[in-house]
Amino acid sequence: MIGPIIIIVVLLVLIPVGVCVTGGIVAAGLGWTLKESGEASHEGSELIELNT
């Protein structure tokens, strides 16, 4: 009887929370990487100073 309860808790609580946390970490890493890449490839542009 305890097995199905554990499976339900994992499916309804742990997996969605894990997906949300992982998505946030991936989004933060991707944003930081793209910002650094954009600043490096457009070094010296006056628009970089306006974006900060």
Protein backbone atom coordinates (compact mmCIF):
# COMPACT_ATOMS: atom_id res chain seq x y z
CA MET A 1 0.00 0.00 0.00
CA ILE A 2 2.90 2.37 0.62
CA GLY A 3 4.37 1.82 -2.86
CA PRO A 4 1.55 3.50 -4.83
CA ILE A 5 1.56 6.45 -2.40
CA ILE A 6 5.29 6.96 -2.96
CA ILE A 7 4.82 6.81 -6.73
CA ILE A 8 1.99 9.38 -6.58
CA VAL A 9 4.08 11.75 -4.43
CA VAL A 10 7.00 11.47 -6.81
CA LEU A 11 4.83 12.09 -9.87
CA LEU A 12 2.86 15.00 -8.42
CA VAL A 13 5.48 16.75 -6.29
CA LEU A 14 9.09 15.83 -6.95
CA ILE A 15 9.14 15.72 -10.75
CA PRO A 16 7.39 19.10 -11.33
CA VAL A 17 9.56 20.81 -8.71
CA GLY A 18 12.68 19.27 -10.22
CA VAL A 19 11.71 20.44 -13.70
CA CYS A 20 11.06 24.00 -12.48
CA VAL A 21 14.35 24.22 -10.58
CA THR A 22 16.32 22.74 -13.45
CA GLY A 23 14.62 25.09 -15.91
CA GLY A 24 15.56 28.09 -13.79
CA ILE A 25 19.18 27.00 -13.55
CA VAL A 26 19.40 26.38 -17.30
CA ALA A 27 17.75 29.75 -18.07
CA ALA A 28 20.16 31.60 -15.76
CA GLY A 29 23.19 29.88 -17.27
CA LEU A 30 22.01 30.48 -20.82
CA GLY A 31 21.27 34.15 -20.10
CA TRP A 32 24.68 34.70 -18.54
CA THR A 33 26.45 32.93 -21.41
CA LEU A 34 24.59 34.88 -24.10
CA LYS A 35 25.23 38.18 -22.29
CA GLU A 36 28.95 37.49 -22.06
CA SER A 37 29.07 36.39 -25.70
CA GLY A 38 27.19 39.49 -26.86
CA GLU A 39 29.45 41.82 -24.90
CA ALA A 40 32.56 40.09 -26.24
CA SER A 41 31.45 40.10 -29.87
CA HIS A 42 30.30 43.75 -29.82
CA GLU A 43 33.07 45.22 -27.72
CA GLY A 44 33.35 48.97 -28.08
CA SER A 45 29.72 49.51 -29.06
CA GLU A 46 27.97 52.40 -27.33
CA LEU A 47 24.83 50.28 -27.03
CA ILE A 48 26.50 47.91 -24.54
CA GLU A 49 26.80 50.79 -22.04
CA LEU A 50 23.10 51.62 -22.40
CA ASN A 51 22.08 48.01 -21.75
CA THR A 52 23.57 47.74 -18.22
